[in-house]
N, C-alpha and C. Protein backbone atom coordinates (compact mmCIF):
# COMPACT_ATOMS: atom_id res chain seq x y z
N MET A 1 -1.68 8.38 2.90
CA MET A 1 -0.63 7.86 2.03
C MET A 1 0.01 9.01 1.27
N SER A 2 1.33 9.03 1.23
CA SER A 2 2.03 10.10 0.54
C SER A 2 2.15 9.79 -0.95
N ASP A 3 2.31 10.84 -1.70
CA ASP A 3 2.51 10.69 -3.14
C ASP A 3 4.01 10.53 -3.40
N ASN A 4 4.39 9.40 -3.93
CA ASN A 4 5.80 9.09 -4.16
C ASN A 4 6.26 9.38 -5.59
N THR A 5 5.49 10.16 -6.32
CA THR A 5 5.83 10.45 -7.71
C THR A 5 7.24 11.03 -7.85
N GLU A 6 7.59 11.97 -7.00
CA GLU A 6 8.91 12.59 -7.07
C GLU A 6 10.01 11.59 -6.69
N ARG A 7 9.72 10.72 -5.73
CA ARG A 7 10.70 9.69 -5.36
C ARG A 7 10.97 8.75 -6.52
N VAL A 8 9.92 8.32 -7.18
CA VAL A 8 10.07 7.41 -8.32
C VAL A 8 10.84 8.12 -9.43
N LYS A 9 10.54 9.37 -9.67
CA LYS A 9 11.24 10.14 -10.70
C LYS A 9 12.74 10.22 -10.37
N ARG A 10 13.05 10.49 -9.11
CA ARG A 10 14.45 10.58 -8.69
C ARG A 10 15.15 9.23 -8.81
N MET A 11 14.48 8.17 -8.39
CA MET A 11 15.04 6.83 -8.52
C MET A 11 15.34 6.53 -9.99
N ARG A 12 14.39 6.85 -10.86
CA ARG A 12 14.56 6.62 -12.30
C ARG A 12 15.78 7.37 -12.83
N GLN A 13 15.92 8.63 -12.46
CA GLN A 13 17.06 9.43 -12.93
C GLN A 13 18.39 8.81 -12.48
N ILE A 14 18.44 8.41 -11.23
CA ILE A 14 19.67 7.82 -10.68
C ILE A 14 20.01 6.52 -11.40
N LEU A 15 19.03 5.63 -11.51
CA LEU A 15 19.29 4.31 -12.10
C LEU A 15 19.59 4.41 -13.60
N GLU A 16 18.90 5.30 -14.30
CA GLU A 16 19.19 5.48 -15.73
C GLU A 16 20.59 6.05 -15.93
N SER A 17 20.97 7.00 -15.10
CA SER A 17 22.29 7.60 -15.20
C SER A 17 23.39 6.59 -14.89
N ARG A 18 23.17 5.78 -13.88
CA ARG A 18 24.20 4.84 -13.41
C ARG A 18 24.33 3.61 -14.32
N PHE A 19 23.18 3.08 -14.81
CA PHE A 19 23.22 1.80 -15.51
C PHE A 19 22.83 1.86 -16.99
N ALA A 20 22.29 2.94 -17.49
CA ALA A 20 21.80 3.02 -18.87
C ALA A 20 21.03 1.75 -19.23
N PRO A 21 19.98 1.44 -18.47
CA PRO A 21 19.29 0.16 -18.66
C PRO A 21 18.51 0.06 -19.96
N ALA A 22 18.42 -1.17 -20.45
CA ALA A 22 17.58 -1.45 -21.61
C ALA A 22 16.12 -1.48 -21.18
N GLU A 23 15.90 -1.80 -19.90
CA GLU A 23 14.54 -1.83 -19.33
C GLU A 23 14.63 -1.36 -17.89
N LEU A 24 13.69 -0.50 -17.50
CA LEU A 24 13.61 -0.05 -16.12
C LEU A 24 12.14 0.20 -15.79
N VAL A 25 11.63 -0.55 -14.83
CA VAL A 25 10.26 -0.38 -14.36
C VAL A 25 10.34 -0.20 -12.85
N ILE A 26 9.77 0.89 -12.36
CA ILE A 26 9.73 1.15 -10.93
C ILE A 26 8.27 1.22 -10.52
N ARG A 27 7.93 0.39 -9.56
CA ARG A 27 6.54 0.33 -9.08
C ARG A 27 6.51 0.78 -7.62
N ASP A 28 5.59 1.68 -7.30
CA ASP A 28 5.40 2.13 -5.93
C ASP A 28 4.38 1.20 -5.27
N ASP A 29 4.84 0.41 -4.30
CA ASP A 29 3.97 -0.51 -3.58
C ASP A 29 3.62 0.00 -2.19
N SER A 30 3.85 1.26 -1.93
CA SER A 30 3.65 1.83 -0.59
C SER A 30 2.23 1.63 -0.09
N HIS A 31 1.26 1.73 -0.99
CA HIS A 31 -0.14 1.59 -0.59
C HIS A 31 -0.44 0.21 0.01
N LEU A 32 0.39 -0.77 -0.31
CA LEU A 32 0.19 -2.12 0.23
C LEU A 32 0.71 -2.26 1.66
N HIS A 33 1.41 -1.24 2.13
CA HIS A 33 2.06 -1.33 3.43
C HIS A 33 1.61 -0.25 4.41
N VAL A 34 0.47 0.35 4.14
CA VAL A 34 -0.06 1.38 5.04
C VAL A 34 -0.27 0.75 6.42
N GLY A 35 0.24 1.43 7.44
CA GLY A 35 0.12 0.93 8.80
C GLY A 35 1.27 0.05 9.23
N HIS A 36 2.08 -0.40 8.29
CA HIS A 36 3.26 -1.21 8.60
C HIS A 36 4.21 -0.36 9.44
N PRO A 37 4.76 -0.91 10.53
CA PRO A 37 5.63 -0.11 11.40
C PRO A 37 6.74 0.65 10.67
N GLY A 38 7.37 0.03 9.70
CA GLY A 38 8.45 0.69 8.98
C GLY A 38 7.99 1.76 8.02
N ALA A 39 6.71 1.76 7.68
CA ALA A 39 6.19 2.73 6.73
C ALA A 39 5.67 3.99 7.42
N ARG A 40 5.58 3.97 8.72
CA ARG A 40 5.02 5.11 9.45
C ARG A 40 5.87 6.37 9.36
N ASP A 41 7.15 6.21 9.06
CA ASP A 41 8.01 7.38 8.96
C ASP A 41 7.92 8.07 7.61
N GLY A 42 7.06 7.57 6.73
CA GLY A 42 6.82 8.21 5.45
C GLY A 42 7.67 7.72 4.30
N ARG A 43 8.63 6.86 4.58
CA ARG A 43 9.45 6.32 3.48
C ARG A 43 8.63 5.29 2.73
N GLY A 44 8.97 5.05 1.46
CA GLY A 44 8.16 4.20 0.60
C GLY A 44 8.67 2.78 0.42
N HIS A 45 7.78 1.96 -0.13
CA HIS A 45 8.07 0.58 -0.52
C HIS A 45 8.02 0.53 -2.04
N PHE A 46 9.08 0.03 -2.67
CA PHE A 46 9.16 0.04 -4.12
C PHE A 46 9.64 -1.30 -4.67
N HIS A 47 9.31 -1.52 -5.94
CA HIS A 47 9.80 -2.68 -6.68
C HIS A 47 10.49 -2.14 -7.92
N VAL A 48 11.71 -2.63 -8.17
CA VAL A 48 12.48 -2.20 -9.35
C VAL A 48 12.80 -3.41 -10.20
N ARG A 49 12.46 -3.33 -11.48
CA ARG A 49 12.87 -4.33 -12.47
C ARG A 49 13.80 -3.60 -13.41
N ILE A 50 15.04 -4.07 -13.49
CA ILE A 50 16.05 -3.39 -14.29
C ILE A 50 16.86 -4.41 -15.07
N ARG A 51 17.09 -4.11 -16.35
CA ARG A 51 17.88 -4.95 -17.24
C ARG A 51 19.00 -4.06 -17.80
N ALA A 52 20.25 -4.44 -17.50
CA ALA A 52 21.37 -3.62 -17.94
C ALA A 52 22.63 -4.48 -18.09
N GLU A 53 23.48 -4.09 -18.99
CA GLU A 53 24.73 -4.81 -19.21
C GLU A 53 25.63 -4.80 -17.98
N ALA A 54 25.47 -3.80 -17.12
CA ALA A 54 26.29 -3.70 -15.91
C ALA A 54 26.14 -4.93 -15.01
N PHE A 55 25.05 -5.68 -15.19
CA PHE A 55 24.80 -6.85 -14.34
C PHE A 55 25.29 -8.16 -14.96
N ALA A 56 25.82 -8.10 -16.16
CA ALA A 56 26.30 -9.31 -16.84
C ALA A 56 27.41 -9.97 -16.03
N GLY A 57 27.28 -11.27 -15.85
CA GLY A 57 28.30 -12.04 -15.15
C GLY A 57 28.30 -11.89 -13.64
N LYS A 58 27.33 -11.15 -13.11
CA LYS A 58 27.27 -10.94 -11.67
C LYS A 58 26.16 -11.78 -11.05
N ARG A 59 26.40 -12.24 -9.85
CA ARG A 59 25.40 -13.00 -9.11
C ARG A 59 24.31 -12.05 -8.60
N PRO A 60 23.14 -12.59 -8.28
CA PRO A 60 22.03 -11.73 -7.82
C PRO A 60 22.40 -10.81 -6.66
N LEU A 61 23.12 -11.29 -5.67
CA LEU A 61 23.47 -10.44 -4.53
C LEU A 61 24.34 -9.26 -4.98
N ALA A 62 25.27 -9.49 -5.88
CA ALA A 62 26.12 -8.42 -6.38
C ALA A 62 25.29 -7.40 -7.16
N ARG A 63 24.32 -7.87 -7.91
CA ARG A 63 23.43 -6.98 -8.67
C ARG A 63 22.63 -6.10 -7.71
N HIS A 64 22.11 -6.71 -6.65
CA HIS A 64 21.33 -5.97 -5.66
C HIS A 64 22.20 -4.92 -4.97
N ARG A 65 23.43 -5.30 -4.66
CA ARG A 65 24.33 -4.35 -4.01
C ARG A 65 24.60 -3.14 -4.90
N LEU A 66 24.75 -3.36 -6.19
CA LEU A 66 24.96 -2.26 -7.12
C LEU A 66 23.78 -1.29 -7.12
N VAL A 67 22.57 -1.84 -7.10
CA VAL A 67 21.37 -1.00 -7.08
C VAL A 67 21.29 -0.23 -5.76
N PHE A 68 21.50 -0.93 -4.63
CA PHE A 68 21.48 -0.26 -3.33
C PHE A 68 22.52 0.85 -3.27
N GLU A 69 23.72 0.57 -3.79
CA GLU A 69 24.79 1.56 -3.80
C GLU A 69 24.39 2.78 -4.63
N ALA A 70 23.81 2.54 -5.78
CA ALA A 70 23.40 3.64 -6.66
C ALA A 70 22.36 4.53 -5.97
N LEU A 71 21.43 3.91 -5.26
CA LEU A 71 20.36 4.67 -4.61
C LEU A 71 20.78 5.20 -3.24
N GLY A 72 21.97 4.80 -2.79
CA GLY A 72 22.58 5.22 -1.54
C GLY A 72 21.78 6.09 -0.59
N GLU A 73 21.84 7.39 -0.79
CA GLU A 73 21.20 8.34 0.11
C GLU A 73 19.69 8.13 0.18
N MET A 74 19.09 7.78 -0.92
CA MET A 74 17.63 7.55 -0.92
C MET A 74 17.25 6.37 -0.02
N MET A 75 18.16 5.41 0.12
CA MET A 75 17.88 4.27 0.99
C MET A 75 17.76 4.71 2.44
N GLU A 76 18.41 5.80 2.78
CA GLU A 76 18.37 6.32 4.15
C GLU A 76 17.20 7.27 4.37
N SER A 77 16.81 8.01 3.33
CA SER A 77 15.83 9.08 3.51
C SER A 77 14.47 8.85 2.89
N ASP A 78 14.38 8.04 1.83
CA ASP A 78 13.14 7.94 1.07
C ASP A 78 12.59 6.53 0.90
N ILE A 79 13.45 5.54 1.00
CA ILE A 79 13.05 4.16 0.70
C ILE A 79 13.12 3.32 1.96
N HIS A 80 11.99 2.74 2.34
CA HIS A 80 11.98 1.82 3.48
C HIS A 80 12.27 0.40 3.03
N ALA A 81 11.64 0.00 1.91
CA ALA A 81 11.81 -1.36 1.40
C ALA A 81 11.94 -1.30 -0.12
N LEU A 82 12.84 -2.14 -0.63
CA LEU A 82 13.08 -2.18 -2.08
C LEU A 82 13.21 -3.62 -2.53
N GLN A 83 12.29 -4.03 -3.38
CA GLN A 83 12.37 -5.35 -3.99
C GLN A 83 13.03 -5.16 -5.35
N ILE A 84 14.06 -5.95 -5.62
CA ILE A 84 14.86 -5.76 -6.83
C ILE A 84 14.84 -7.00 -7.71
N ASP A 85 14.56 -6.80 -8.98
CA ASP A 85 14.66 -7.83 -10.01
C ASP A 85 15.66 -7.28 -11.02
N ALA A 86 16.94 -7.63 -10.83
CA ALA A 86 18.01 -7.08 -11.68
C ALA A 86 18.65 -8.20 -12.48
N ALA A 87 18.87 -7.95 -13.76
CA ALA A 87 19.48 -8.94 -14.63
C ALA A 87 20.19 -8.25 -15.77
N ALA A 88 21.06 -9.00 -16.42
CA ALA A 88 21.70 -8.51 -17.64
C ALA A 88 20.66 -8.54 -18.75
N GLU A 89 20.87 -7.77 -19.77
CA GLU A 89 19.90 -7.71 -20.88
C GLU A 89 19.62 -9.09 -21.47
N GLU A 90 20.66 -9.90 -21.63
CA GLU A 90 20.47 -11.20 -22.26
C GLU A 90 19.82 -12.23 -21.34
N ASP A 91 19.68 -11.91 -20.05
CA ASP A 91 19.09 -12.85 -19.09
C ASP A 91 17.57 -12.89 -19.12
N ASN A 92 16.97 -11.87 -19.65
CA ASN A 92 15.51 -11.74 -19.62
C ASN A 92 14.90 -12.93 -19.02
C-alpha cells in the first residue's frame, strides 16, 4: 500500500484555494481497496467532506462536478475513486 499523505496534502491545498471551505475533511480509503483492479495502478481511493458557500443553491451533481473540476489533473494521475459529500455551509 502506498502512502497517500502527499496526495491528501495536495488535494487539501487545491480545495482550500478553490473553495475556501468552512469545513474540509479528506479521508484516504485506499487501504480498503487493496487488490481492487482499479487500485493496482497505484492511484488512491478518497472521501471528501466539504462545506463551502460555493455550493449554495447548487444540486448535488453540480457540486460534485465543481470538486472534480478543481481536482482535474489529480483525477487522471492520483485519484482512482472519489466519494464526495459537498454542501453549502448552511446545509450541514
